[in-house]
Amino acid sequence: MAVLDPCDNCGRPTPIYRLAAVILDGGVARLCPLCVSTEKERIELPYAPRADQGAIQPSTTRDAW
C-alpha cells in the first residue's frame, strides 16, 4: 500500500512517489502530476540547466575536495 501525502497546490491525496518537488511561486512545493501539467507557467524546475549556460560540470580534482 502506498503512503499518501496531499498535493501542496490542490490538496489531492497522492502517493509520495508520484509527487514532484518544484519551485512554485518562489517556494518549494510538492505537486501531483495533474497540477504539474496544468500549472506550467507558475513552475520553475529547481535543477534545470539554464538555457544561456548549459549544464555546469563540477570539478573532480582533489584540489576541489
C-alpha atoms as a PDB file:
ATOM      1  CA  MET A   1       0.000   0.000   0.000  1.00  0.00           C
ATOM      2  CA  ALA A   2       1.367   3.401  -0.999  1.00  0.00           C
ATOM      3  CA  VAL A   3       1.861   6.204   1.502  1.00  0.00           C
ATOM      4  CA  LEU A   4      -0.345   9.163   0.552  1.00  0.00           C
ATOM      5  CA  ASP A   5       0.513  12.829   1.058  1.00  0.00           C
ATOM      6  CA  PRO A   6      -1.551  15.819  -0.081  1.00  0.00           C
ATOM      7  CA  CYS A   7      -0.540  17.907  -3.072  1.00  0.00           C
ATOM      8  CA  ASP A   8       0.613  21.361  -1.898  1.00  0.00           C
ATOM      9  CA  ASN A   9      -1.439  23.032  -4.640  1.00  0.00           C
ATOM     10  CA  CYS A  10      -4.817  21.249  -4.762  1.00  0.00           C
ATOM     11  CA  GLY A  11      -4.708  19.064  -1.623  1.00  0.00           C
ATOM     12  CA  ARG A  12      -5.466  15.836  -3.543  1.00  0.00           C
ATOM     13  CA  PRO A  13      -4.051  12.749  -1.721  1.00  0.00           C
ATOM     14  CA  THR A  14      -1.288  11.363  -3.939  1.00  0.00           C
ATOM     15  CA  PRO A  15       1.262   8.550  -3.451  1.00  0.00           C
ATOM     16  CA  ILE A  16       4.537  10.134  -2.364  1.00  0.00           C
ATOM     17  CA  TYR A  17       6.469   8.583  -5.259  1.00  0.00           C
ATOM     18  CA  ARG A  18       4.181  10.478  -7.707  1.00  0.00           C
ATOM     19  CA  LEU A  19       4.718  13.921  -6.132  1.00  0.00           C
ATOM     20  CA  ALA A  20       7.191  16.226  -7.894  1.00  0.00           C
ATOM     21  CA  ALA A  21       9.272  18.745  -5.938  1.00  0.00           C
ATOM     22  CA  VAL A  22       9.242  22.027  -7.865  1.00  0.00           C
ATOM     23  CA  ILE A  23       9.611  25.724  -7.163  1.00  0.00           C
ATOM     24  CA  LEU A  24       6.106  27.185  -7.189  1.00  0.00           C
ATOM     25  CA  ASP A  25       5.797  30.964  -6.772  1.00  0.00           C
ATOM     26  CA  GLY A  26       9.200  31.237  -5.074  1.00  0.00           C
ATOM     27  CA  GLY A  27       8.873  28.319  -2.639  1.00  0.00           C
ATOM     28  CA  VAL A  28       9.474  24.577  -2.872  1.00  0.00           C
ATOM     29  CA  ALA A  29       6.211  22.651  -3.249  1.00  0.00           C
ATOM     30  CA  ARG A  30       5.233  19.021  -3.813  1.00  0.00           C
ATOM     31  CA  LEU A  31       2.761  18.769  -6.693  1.00  0.00           C
ATOM     32  CA  CYS A  32       0.667  15.918  -8.085  1.00  0.00           C
ATOM     33  CA  PRO A  33       1.007  15.060 -11.798  1.00  0.00           C
ATOM     34  CA  LEU A  34      -2.260  16.867 -12.632  1.00  0.00           C
ATOM     35  CA  CYS A  35      -1.076  20.147 -11.078  1.00  0.00           C
ATOM     36  CA  VAL A  36       2.323  19.828 -12.786  1.00  0.00           C
ATOM     37  CA  SER A  37       0.591  19.591 -16.157  1.00  0.00           C
ATOM     38  CA  THR A  38      -1.835  22.479 -15.512  1.00  0.00           C
ATOM     39  CA  GLU A  39       0.432  24.959 -13.652  1.00  0.00           C
ATOM     40  CA  LYS A  40       3.357  25.055 -16.106  1.00  0.00           C
ATOM     41  CA  GLU A  41       3.554  28.861 -16.208  1.00  0.00           C
ATOM     42  CA  ARG A  42       3.938  29.066 -12.398  1.00  0.00           C
ATOM     43  CA  ILE A  43       6.525  26.261 -12.042  1.00  0.00           C
ATOM     44  CA  GLU A  44      10.296  26.638 -12.107  1.00  0.00           C
ATOM     45  CA  LEU A  45      12.293  23.404 -12.069  1.00  0.00           C
ATOM     46  CA  PRO A  46      14.840  23.632  -9.241  1.00  0.00           C
ATOM     47  CA  TYR A  47      17.729  21.897 -11.009  1.00  0.00           C
ATOM     48  CA  ALA A  48      17.091  22.582 -14.699  1.00  0.00           C
ATOM     49  CA  PRO A  49      20.174  23.824 -16.583  1.00  0.00           C
ATOM     50  CA  ARG A  50      19.916  27.427 -17.682  1.00  0.00           C
ATOM     51  CA  ALA A  51      19.454  27.969 -21.401  1.00  0.00           C
ATOM     52  CA  ASP A  52      22.275  30.525 -21.618  1.00  0.00           C
ATOM     53  CA  GLN A  53      24.924  28.394 -19.866  1.00  0.00           C
ATOM     54  CA  GLY A  54      24.037  24.746 -20.247  1.00  0.00           C
ATOM     55  CA  ALA A  55      24.998  22.201 -17.633  1.00  0.00           C
ATOM     56  CA  ILE A  56      27.904  23.170 -15.386  1.00  0.00           C
ATOM     57  CA  GLN A  57      30.157  20.228 -14.567  1.00  0.00           C
ATOM     58  CA  PRO A  58      31.744  20.256 -11.110  1.00  0.00           C
ATOM     59  CA  SER A  59      35.470  19.775 -10.779  1.00  0.00           C
ATOM     60  CA  THR A  60      36.622  16.280  -9.833  1.00  0.00           C
ATOM     61  CA  THR A  61      40.200  17.186  -8.922  1.00  0.00           C
ATOM     62  CA  ARG A  62      41.437  16.638  -5.378  1.00  0.00           C
ATOM     63  CA  ASP A  63      42.044  20.394  -5.013  1.00  0.00           C
ATOM     64  CA  ALA A  64      38.277  20.965  -5.057  1.00  0.00           C
ATOM     65  CA  TRP A  65      37.687  18.454  -2.244  1.00  0.00           C
END
